[in-house]
Amino acid sequence: MMDVNTPSAVNPDIDIKKVLEDMARAIVDNPDSVSVTEETNEDETVFTLHVAEGDMGMIIGKHGKIARALRTVTKAAAKIADRKITVEIK
């Protein structure tokens, strides 16, 4: 159990872009076609995941479950890095 007085773990050195890219490469049939672009505005960073058209179904998953899981894990990494992010899939 975590002590209430313990400061939360913040690690600004986490490469969120690489985390997202590595997860996507592990899922798709064409890992060489995976790329992630990053756009930062004043208070938020938008990561856009690009995959081959044939791999879109694998990235999205049934009822969007894989896409939701990718976003959840990426946002958890962003929270540790103390950043606000959004993940788009194209």
PDB file of N, CA and C in Angstrom:
ATOM      1  N   MET A   1       0.839  -1.175   0.000  1.00  0.00           N
ATOM      2  CA  MET A   1       0.000   0.000   0.000  1.00  0.00           C
ATOM      3  C   MET A   1       0.890   1.247   0.000  1.00  0.00           C
ATOM      4  N   MET A   2       0.500   2.253  -0.740  1.00  0.00           N
ATOM      5  CA  MET A   2       1.290   3.461  -0.875  1.00  0.00           C
ATOM      6  C   MET A   2       1.003   4.420   0.277  1.00  0.00           C
ATOM      7  N   ASP A   3       2.051   4.972   0.844  1.00  0.00           N
ATOM      8  CA  ASP A   3       1.914   5.931   1.927  1.00  0.00           C
ATOM      9  C   ASP A   3       1.389   7.251   1.370  1.00  0.00           C
ATOM     10  N   VAL A   4       0.435   7.852   2.034  1.00  0.00           N
ATOM     11  CA  VAL A   4      -0.166   9.100   1.583  1.00  0.00           C
ATOM     12  C   VAL A   4       0.870  10.225   1.544  1.00  0.00           C
ATOM     13  N   ASN A   5       1.858  10.172   2.399  1.00  0.00           N
ATOM     14  CA  ASN A   5       2.865  11.225   2.461  1.00  0.00           C
ATOM     15  C   ASN A   5       3.989  11.052   1.448  1.00  0.00           C
ATOM     16  N   THR A   6       4.003   9.939   0.712  1.00  0.00           N
ATOM     17  CA  THR A   6       5.034   9.698  -0.290  1.00  0.00           C
ATOM     18  C   THR A   6       4.704  10.488  -1.544  1.00  0.00           C
ATOM     19  N   PRO A   7       5.673  11.267  -2.065  1.00  0.00           N
ATOM     20  CA  PRO A   7       5.394  12.003  -3.299  1.00  0.00           C
ATOM     21  C   PRO A   7       5.204  11.041  -4.466  1.00  0.00           C
ATOM     22  N   SER A   8       4.372  11.434  -5.412  1.00  0.00           N
ATOM     23  CA  SER A   8       4.131  10.564  -6.556  1.00  0.00           C
ATOM     24  C   SER A   8       5.394  10.486  -7.413  1.00  0.00           C
ATOM     25  N   ALA A   9       5.541   9.373  -8.108  1.00  0.00           N
ATOM     26  CA  ALA A   9       6.714   9.167  -8.947  1.00  0.00           C
ATOM     27  C   ALA A   9       6.550   9.975 -10.234  1.00  0.00           C
ATOM     28  N   VAL A  10       7.416  10.951 -10.438  1.00  0.00           N
ATOM     29  CA  VAL A  10       7.401  11.757 -11.655  1.00  0.00           C
ATOM     30  C   VAL A  10       8.742  11.560 -12.325  1.00  0.00           C
ATOM     31  N   ASN A  11       8.710  11.155 -13.590  1.00  0.00           N
ATOM     32  CA  ASN A  11       9.930  10.926 -14.339  1.00  0.00           C
ATOM     33  C   ASN A  11       9.798  11.596 -15.702  1.00  0.00           C
ATOM     34  N   PRO A  12      10.325  12.805 -15.869  1.00  0.00           N
ATOM     35  CA  PRO A  12      10.171  13.530 -17.129  1.00  0.00           C
ATOM     36  C   PRO A  12      10.990  12.927 -18.272  1.00  0.00           C
ATOM     37  N   ASP A  13      11.834  11.916 -17.985  1.00  0.00           N
ATOM     38  CA  ASP A  13      12.689  11.340 -19.011  1.00  0.00           C
ATOM     39  C   ASP A  13      12.024  10.224 -19.816  1.00  0.00           C
ATOM     40  N   ILE A  14      10.780   9.894 -19.519  1.00  0.00           N
ATOM     41  CA  ILE A  14      10.090   8.833 -20.254  1.00  0.00           C
ATOM     42  C   ILE A  14       9.836   9.307 -21.686  1.00  0.00           C
ATOM     43  N   ASP A  15      10.214   8.480 -22.655  1.00  0.00           N
ATOM     44  CA  ASP A  15       9.978   8.785 -24.066  1.00  0.00           C
ATOM     45  C   ASP A  15       8.618   8.211 -24.454  1.00  0.00           C
ATOM     46  N   ILE A  16       7.585   9.008 -24.292  1.00  0.00           N
ATOM     47  CA  ILE A  16       6.216   8.560 -24.524  1.00  0.00           C
ATOM     48  C   ILE A  16       6.015   8.161 -25.981  1.00  0.00           C
ATOM     49  N   LYS A  17       6.629   8.891 -26.872  1.00  0.00           N
ATOM     50  CA  LYS A  17       6.533   8.593 -28.304  1.00  0.00           C
ATOM     51  C   LYS A  17       7.057   7.178 -28.577  1.00  0.00           C
ATOM     52  N   LYS A  18       8.162   6.823 -27.975  1.00  0.00           N
ATOM     53  CA  LYS A  18       8.743   5.491 -28.167  1.00  0.00           C
ATOM     54  C   LYS A  18       7.869   4.412 -27.538  1.00  0.00           C
ATOM     55  N   VAL A  19       7.282   4.701 -26.390  1.00  0.00           N
ATOM     56  CA  VAL A  19       6.379   3.737 -25.742  1.00  0.00           C
ATOM     57  C   VAL A  19       5.224   3.403 -26.688  1.00  0.00           C
ATOM     58  N   LEU A  20       4.586   4.426 -27.250  1.00  0.00           N
ATOM     59  CA  LEU A  20       3.459   4.221 -28.161  1.00  0.00           C
ATOM     60  C   LEU A  20       3.905   3.469 -29.412  1.00  0.00           C
ATOM     61  N   GLU A  21       5.027   3.884 -29.981  1.00  0.00           N
ATOM     62  CA  GLU A  21       5.535   3.252 -31.198  1.00  0.00           C
ATOM     63  C   GLU A  21       5.866   1.773 -30.965  1.00  0.00           C
ATOM     64  N   ASP A  22       6.523   1.465 -29.866  1.00  0.00           N
ATOM     65  CA  ASP A  22       6.889   0.083 -29.558  1.00  0.00           C
ATOM     66  C   ASP A  22       5.660  -0.800 -29.352  1.00  0.00           C
ATOM     67  N   MET A  23       4.645  -0.284 -28.684  1.00  0.00           N
ATOM     68  CA  MET A  23       3.419  -1.066 -28.485  1.00  0.00           C
ATOM     69  C   MET A  23       2.750  -1.351 -29.826  1.00  0.00           C
ATOM     70  N   ALA A  24       2.664  -0.342 -30.684  1.00  0.00           N
ATOM     71  CA  ALA A  24       2.019  -0.514 -31.989  1.00  0.00           C
ATOM     72  C   ALA A  24       2.800  -1.504 -32.854  1.00  0.00           C
ATOM     73  N   ARG A  25       4.127  -1.407 -32.849  1.00  0.00           N
ATOM     74  CA  ARG A  25       4.955  -2.330 -33.647  1.00  0.00           C
ATOM     75  C   ARG A  25       4.749  -3.785 -33.212  1.00  0.00           C
ATOM     76  N   ALA A  26       4.498  -4.009 -31.939  1.00  0.00           N
ATOM     77  CA  ALA A  26       4.290  -5.357 -31.431  1.00  0.00           C
ATOM     78  C   ALA A  26       2.954  -5.945 -31.879  1.00  0.00           C
ATOM     79  N   ILE A  27       2.013  -5.110 -32.281  1.00  0.00           N
ATOM     80  CA  ILE A  27       0.669  -5.559 -32.621  1.00  0.00           C
ATOM     81  C   ILE A  27       0.499  -5.826 -34.116  1.00  0.00           C
ATOM     82  N   VAL A  28       1.088  -4.996 -34.977  1.00  0.00           N
ATOM     83  CA  VAL A  28       0.798  -5.012 -36.410  1.00  0.00           C
ATOM     84  C   VAL A  28       1.613  -6.054 -37.176  1.00  0.00           C
ATOM     85  N   ASP A  29       1.181  -6.330 -38.415  1.00  0.00           N
ATOM     86  CA  ASP A  29       1.906  -7.237 -39.310  1.00  0.00           C
ATOM     87  C   ASP A  29       3.080  -6.537 -39.997  1.00  0.00           C
ATOM     88  N   ASN A  30       2.970  -5.224 -40.202  1.00  0.00           N
ATOM     89  CA  ASN A  30       4.010  -4.445 -40.888  1.00  0.00           C
ATOM     90  C   ASN A  30       4.625  -3.432 -39.927  1.00  0.00           C
ATOM     91  N   PRO A  31       5.499  -3.866 -39.019  1.00  0.00           N
ATOM     92  CA  PRO A  31       6.044  -2.947 -38.016  1.00  0.00           C
ATOM     93  C   PRO A  31       6.883  -1.814 -38.614  1.00  0.00           C
ATOM     94  N   ASP A  32       7.429  -2.020 -39.822  1.00  0.00           N
ATOM     95  CA  ASP A  32       8.222  -0.964 -40.446  1.00  0.00           C
ATOM     96  C   ASP A  32       7.369   0.217 -40.901  1.00  0.00           C
ATOM     97  N   SER A  33       6.063   0.008 -41.031  1.00  0.00           N
ATOM     98  CA  SER A  33       5.181   1.083 -41.478  1.00  0.00           C
ATOM     99  C   SER A  33       4.655   1.940 -40.321  1.00  0.00           C
ATOM    100  N   VAL A  34       4.992   1.582 -39.095  1.00  0.00           N
ATOM    101  CA  VAL A  34       4.508   2.320 -37.922  1.00  0.00           C
ATOM    102  C   VAL A  34       5.360   3.570 -37.711  1.00  0.00           C
ATOM    103  N   SER A  35       4.677   4.695 -37.527  1.00  0.00           N
ATOM    104  CA  SER A  35       5.382   5.927 -37.165  1.00  0.00           C
ATOM    105  C   SER A  35       4.486   6.752 -36.247  1.00  0.00           C
ATOM    106  N   VAL A  36       5.121   7.588 -35.454  1.00  0.00           N
ATOM    107  CA  VAL A  36       4.389   8.459 -34.534  1.00  0.00           C
ATOM    108  C   VAL A  36       4.897   9.869 -34.719  1.00  0.00           C
ATOM    109  N   THR A  37       3.972  10.801 -34.945  1.00  0.00           N
ATOM    110  CA  THR A  37       4.343  12.213 -35.018  1.00  0.00           C
ATOM    111  C   THR A  37       3.856  12.891 -33.745  1.00  0.00           C
ATOM    112  N   GLU A  38       4.515  13.961 -33.406  1.00  0.00           N
ATOM    113  CA  GLU A  38       4.237  14.659 -32.147  1.00  0.00           C
ATOM    114  C   GLU A  38       4.053  16.148 -32.428  1.00  0.00           C
ATOM    115  N   GLU A  39       2.943  16.700 -31.964  1.00  0.00           N
ATOM    116  CA  GLU A  39       2.673  18.139 -32.065  1.00  0.00           C
ATOM    117  C   GLU A  39       2.387  18.662 -30.668  1.00  0.00           C
ATOM    118  N   THR A  40       3.097  19.706 -30.284  1.00  0.00           N
ATOM    119  CA  THR A  40       2.905  20.273 -28.954  1.00  0.00           C
ATOM    120  C   THR A  40       2.346  21.675 -29.080  1.00  0.00           C
ATOM    121  N   ASN A  41       1.256  21.929 -28.357  1.00  0.00           N
ATOM    122  CA  ASN A  41       0.753  23.292 -28.252  1.00  0.00           C
ATOM    123  C   ASN A  41       0.967  23.753 -26.819  1.00  0.00           C
ATOM    124  N   GLU A  42       0.342  24.807 -26.410  1.00  0.00           N
ATOM    125  CA  GLU A  42       0.651  25.419 -25.114  1.00  0.00           C
ATOM    126  C   GLU A  42       0.508  24.507 -23.898  1.00  0.00           C
ATOM    127  N   ASP A  43      -0.500  23.648 -23.882  1.00  0.00           N
ATOM    128  CA  ASP A  43      -0.698  22.839 -22.669  1.00  0.00           C
ATOM    129  C   ASP A  43      -0.859  21.342 -22.919  1.00  0.00           C
ATOM    130  N   GLU A  44      -0.766  20.911 -24.167  1.00  0.00           N
ATOM    131  CA  GLU A  44      -1.011  19.509 -24.472  1.00  0.00           C
ATOM    132  C   GLU A  44      -0.155  19.062 -25.652  1.00  0.00           C
ATOM    133  N   THR A  45       0.171  17.781 -25.661  1.00  0.00           N
ATOM    134  CA  THR A  45       0.904  17.180 -26.773  1.00  0.00           C
ATOM    135  C   THR A  45      -0.008  16.176 -27.458  1.00  0.00           C
ATOM    136  N   VAL A  46      -0.064  16.230 -28.787  1.00  0.00           N
ATOM    137  CA  VAL A  46      -0.873  15.305 -29.561  1.00  0.00           C
ATOM    138  C   VAL A  46       0.072  14.355 -30.290  1.00  0.00           C
ATOM    139  N   PHE A  47      -0.070  13.063 -30.009  1.00  0.00           N
ATOM    140  CA  PHE A  47       0.685  12.035 -30.701  1.00  0.00           C
ATOM    141  C   PHE A  47      -0.238  11.413 -31.737  1.00  0.00           C
ATOM    142  N   THR A  48       0.223  11.353 -32.995  1.00  0.00           N
ATOM    143  CA  THR A  48      -0.555  10.743 -34.053  1.00  0.00           C
ATOM    144  C   THR A  48       0.150   9.470 -34.492  1.00  0.00           C
ATOM    145  N   LEU A  49      -0.530   8.347 -34.330  1.00  0.00           N
ATOM    146  CA  LEU A  49       0.007   7.045 -34.692  1.00  0.00           C
ATOM    147  C   LEU A  49      -0.408   6.728 -36.113  1.00  0.00           C
ATOM    148  N   HIS A  50       0.580   6.462 -36.980  1.00  0.00           N
ATOM    149  CA  HIS A  50       0.330   6.116 -38.378  1.00  0.00           C
ATOM    150  C   HIS A  50       0.709   4.652 -38.580  1.00  0.00           C
ATOM    151  N   VAL A  51      -0.206   3.883 -39.175  1.00  0.00           N
ATOM    152  CA  VAL A  51       0.065   2.472 -39.482  1.00  0.00           C
ATOM    153  C   VAL A  51      -0.404   2.201 -40.907  1.00  0.00           C
ATOM    154  N   ALA A  52       0.044   1.068 -41.469  1.00  0.00           N
ATOM    155  CA  ALA A  52      -0.401   0.665 -42.803  1.00  0.00           C
ATOM    156  C   ALA A  52      -1.912   0.447 -42.779  1.00  0.00           C
ATOM    157  N   GLU A  53      -2.540   0.707 -43.918  1.00  0.00           N
ATOM    158  CA  GLU A  53      -3.994   0.572 -43.993  1.00  0.00           C
ATOM    159  C   GLU A  53      -4.466  -0.830 -43.601  1.00  0.00           C
ATOM    160  N   GLY A  54      -3.711  -1.849 -43.969  1.00  0.00           N
ATOM    161  CA  GLY A  54      -4.084  -3.220 -43.641  1.00  0.00           C
ATOM    162  C   GLY A  54      -3.973  -3.544 -42.160  1.00  0.00           C
ATOM    163  N   ASP A  55      -3.242  -2.724 -41.420  1.00  0.00           N
ATOM    164  CA  ASP A  55      -3.061  -2.952 -39.987  1.00  0.00           C
ATOM    165  C   ASP A  55      -4.033  -2.155 -39.115  1.00  0.00           C
ATOM    166  N   MET A  56      -4.859  -1.340 -39.722  1.00  0.00           N
ATOM    167  CA  MET A  56      -5.787  -0.499 -38.944  1.00  0.00           C
ATOM    168  C   MET A  56      -6.716  -1.331 -38.069  1.00  0.00           C
ATOM    169  N   GLY A  57      -7.206  -2.438 -38.597  1.00  0.00           N
ATOM    170  CA  GLY A  57      -8.111  -3.291 -37.824  1.00  0.00           C
ATOM    171  C   GLY A  57      -7.436  -3.854 -36.584  1.00  0.00           C
ATOM    172  N   MET A  58      -6.160  -4.199 -36.714  1.00  0.00           N
ATOM    173  CA  MET A  58      -5.422  -4.736 -35.564  1.00  0.00           C
ATOM    174  C   MET A  58      -5.204  -3.666 -34.500  1.00  0.00           C
ATOM    175  N   ILE A  59      -4.919  -2.448 -34.931  1.00  0.00           N
ATOM    176  CA  ILE A  59      -4.665  -1.352 -33.986  1.00  0.00           C
ATOM    177  C   ILE A  59      -5.954  -0.932 -33.289  1.00  0.00           C
ATOM    178  N   ILE A  60      -7.051  -0.927 -34.025  1.00  0.00           N
ATOM    179  CA  ILE A  60      -8.326  -0.516 -33.423  1.00  0.00           C
ATOM    180  C   ILE A  60      -8.895  -1.637 -32.564  1.00  0.00           C
ATOM    181  N   GLY A  61      -8.867  -2.875 -33.054  1.00  0.00           N
ATOM    182  CA  GLY A  61      -9.383  -4.012 -32.295  1.00  0.00           C
ATOM    183  C   GLY A  61     -10.899  -4.051 -32.296  1.00  0.00           C
ATOM    184  N   LYS A  62     -11.446  -5.130 -31.744  1.00  0.00           N
ATOM    185  CA  LYS A  62     -12.903  -5.270 -31.674  1.00  0.00           C
ATOM    186  C   LYS A  62     -13.475  -4.193 -30.765  1.00  0.00           C
ATOM    187  N   HIS A  63     -14.406  -3.456 -31.308  1.00  0.00           N
ATOM    188  CA  HIS A  63     -15.097  -2.384 -30.578  1.00  0.00           C
ATOM    189  C   HIS A  63     -14.118  -1.344 -30.023  1.00  0.00           C
ATOM    190  N   GLY A  64     -12.942  -1.208 -30.651  1.00  0.00           N
ATOM    191  CA  GLY A  64     -11.986  -0.188 -30.231  1.00  0.00           C
ATOM    192  C   GLY A  64     -11.193  -0.529 -28.984  1.00  0.00           C
ATOM    193  N   LYS A  65     -11.201  -1.780 -28.577  1.00  0.00           N
ATOM    194  CA  LYS A  65     -10.551  -2.154 -27.318  1.00  0.00           C
ATOM    195  C   LYS A  65      -9.033  -1.990 -27.359  1.00  0.00           C
ATOM    196  N   ILE A  66      -8.389  -2.336 -28.462  1.00  0.00           N
ATOM    197  CA  ILE A  66      -6.935  -2.201 -28.553  1.00  0.00           C
ATOM    198  C   ILE A  66      -6.556  -0.722 -28.573  1.00  0.00           C
ATOM    199  N   ALA A  67      -7.280   0.071 -29.350  1.00  0.00           N
ATOM    200  CA  ALA A  67      -7.006   1.514 -29.407  1.00  0.00           C
ATOM    201  C   ALA A  67      -7.166   2.138 -28.026  1.00  0.00           C
ATOM    202  N   ARG A  68      -8.202   1.741 -27.308  1.00  0.00           N
ATOM    203  CA  ARG A  68      -8.442   2.260 -25.957  1.00  0.00           C
ATOM    204  C   ARG A  68      -7.299   1.866 -25.031  1.00  0.00           C
ATOM    205  N   ALA A  69      -6.832   0.623 -25.153  1.00  0.00           N
ATOM    206  CA  ALA A  69      -5.731   0.147 -24.311  1.00  0.00           C
ATOM    207  C   ALA A  69      -4.437   0.902 -24.627  1.00  0.00           C
ATOM    208  N   LEU A  70      -4.170   1.140 -25.913  1.00  0.00           N
ATOM    209  CA  LEU A  70      -2.978   1.913 -26.298  1.00  0.00           C
ATOM    210  C   LEU A  70      -3.034   3.308 -25.687  1.00  0.00           C
ATOM    211  N   ARG A  71      -4.202   3.923 -25.764  1.00  0.00           N
ATOM    212  CA  ARG A  71      -4.362   5.276 -25.191  1.00  0.00           C
ATOM    213  C   ARG A  71      -4.185   5.254 -23.671  1.00  0.00           C
ATOM    214  N   THR A  72      -4.730   4.243 -23.021  1.00  0.00           N
ATOM    215  CA  THR A  72      -4.645   4.144 -21.558  1.00  0.00           C
ATOM    216  C   THR A  72      -3.200   4.004 -21.097  1.00  0.00           C
ATOM    217  N   VAL A  73      -2.454   3.107 -21.720  1.00  0.00           N
ATOM    218  CA  VAL A  73      -1.058   2.893 -21.328  1.00  0.00           C
ATOM    219  C   VAL A  73      -0.225   4.130 -21.630  1.00  0.00           C
ATOM    220  N   THR A  74      -0.456   4.746 -22.789  1.00  0.00           N
ATOM    221  CA  THR A  74       0.294   5.944 -23.158  1.00  0.00           C
ATOM    222  C   THR A  74      -0.012   7.092 -22.202  1.00  0.00           C
ATOM    223  N   LYS A  75      -1.269   7.246 -21.821  1.00  0.00           N
ATOM    224  CA  LYS A  75      -1.625   8.304 -20.874  1.00  0.00           C
ATOM    225  C   LYS A  75      -1.063   8.033 -19.488  1.00  0.00           C
ATOM    226  N   ALA A  76      -0.940   6.763 -19.118  1.00  0.00           N
ATOM    227  CA  ALA A  76      -0.313   6.428 -17.834  1.00  0.00           C
ATOM    228  C   ALA A  76       1.164   6.827 -17.849  1.00  0.00           C
ATOM    229  N   ALA A  77       1.843   6.563 -18.958  1.00  0.00           N
ATOM    230  CA  ALA A  77       3.245   6.983 -19.090  1.00  0.00           C
ATOM    231  C   ALA A  77       3.351   8.502 -19.063  1.00  0.00           C
ATOM    232  N   ALA A  78       2.402   9.180 -19.676  1.00  0.00           N
ATOM    233  CA  ALA A  78       2.402  10.641 -19.687  1.00  0.00           C
ATOM    234  C   ALA A  78       2.184  11.197 -18.284  1.00  0.00           C
ATOM    235  N   LYS A  79       1.356  10.536 -17.505  1.00  0.00           N
ATOM    236  CA  LYS A  79       1.114  10.988 -16.132  1.00  0.00           C
ATOM    237  C   LYS A  79       2.397  10.881 -15.309  1.00  0.00           C
ATOM    238  N   ILE A  80       3.152   9.797 -15.503  1.00  0.00           N
ATOM    239  CA  ILE A  80       4.423   9.645 -14.807  1.00  0.00           C
ATOM    240  C   ILE A  80       5.405  10.734 -15.232  1.00  0.00           C
ATOM    241  N   ALA A  81       5.330  11.117 -16.521  1.00  0.00           N
ATOM    242  CA  ALA A  81       6.207  12.174 -17.039  1.00  0.00           C
ATOM    243  C   ALA A  81       5.641  13.564 -16.765  1.00  0.00           C
ATOM    244  N   ASP A  82       4.492  13.639 -16.101  1.00  0.00           N
ATOM    245  CA  ASP A  82       3.830  14.893 -15.774  1.00  0.00           C
ATOM    246  C   ASP A  82       3.515  15.720 -17.023  1.00  0.00           C
ATOM    247  N   ARG A  83       2.911  15.045 -18.010  1.00  0.00           N
ATOM    248  CA  ARG A  83       2.525  15.692 -19.266  1.00  0.00           C
ATOM    249  C   ARG A  83       1.068  15.358 -19.572  1.00  0.00           C
ATOM    250  N   LYS A  84       0.418  16.230 -20.348  1.00  0.00           N
ATOM    251  CA  LYS A  84      -0.946  15.994 -20.798  1.00  0.00           C
ATOM    252  C   LYS A  84      -0.875  15.654 -22.277  1.00  0.00           C
ATOM    253  N   ILE A  85      -1.451  14.511 -22.659  1.00  0.00           N
ATOM    254  CA  ILE A  85      -1.355  14.081 -24.037  1.00  0.00           C
ATOM    255  C   ILE A  85      -2.701  13.608 -24.582  1.00  0.00           C
ATOM    256  N   THR A  86      -2.758  13.542 -25.915  1.00  0.00           N
ATOM    257  CA  THR A  86      -3.861  12.950 -26.637  1.00  0.00           C
ATOM    258  C   THR A  86      -3.249  12.037 -27.688  1.00  0.00           C
ATOM    259  N   VAL A  87      -3.870  10.888 -27.947  1.00  0.00           N
ATOM    260  CA  VAL A  87      -3.391   9.959 -28.963  1.00  0.00           C
ATOM    261  C   VAL A  87      -4.438   9.853 -30.061  1.00  0.00           C
ATOM    262  N   GLU A  88      -4.019  10.123 -31.299  1.00  0.00           N
ATOM    263  CA  GLU A  88      -4.869   9.960 -32.468  1.00  0.00           C
ATOM    264  C   GLU A  88      -4.306   8.833 -33.310  1.00  0.00           C
ATOM    265  N   ILE A  89      -5.170   8.116 -33.980  1.00  0.00           N
ATOM    266  CA  ILE A  89      -4.746   6.999 -34.826  1.00  0.00           C
ATOM    267  C   ILE A  89      -5.204   7.258 -36.249  1.00  0.00           C
ATOM    268  N   LYS A  90      -4.241   7.206 -37.175  1.00  0.00           N
ATOM    269  CA  LYS A  90      -4.565   7.435 -38.597  1.00  0.00           C
ATOM    270  C   LYS A  90      -3.897   6.402 -39.446  1.00  0.00           C
TER     271      LYS A  90
END
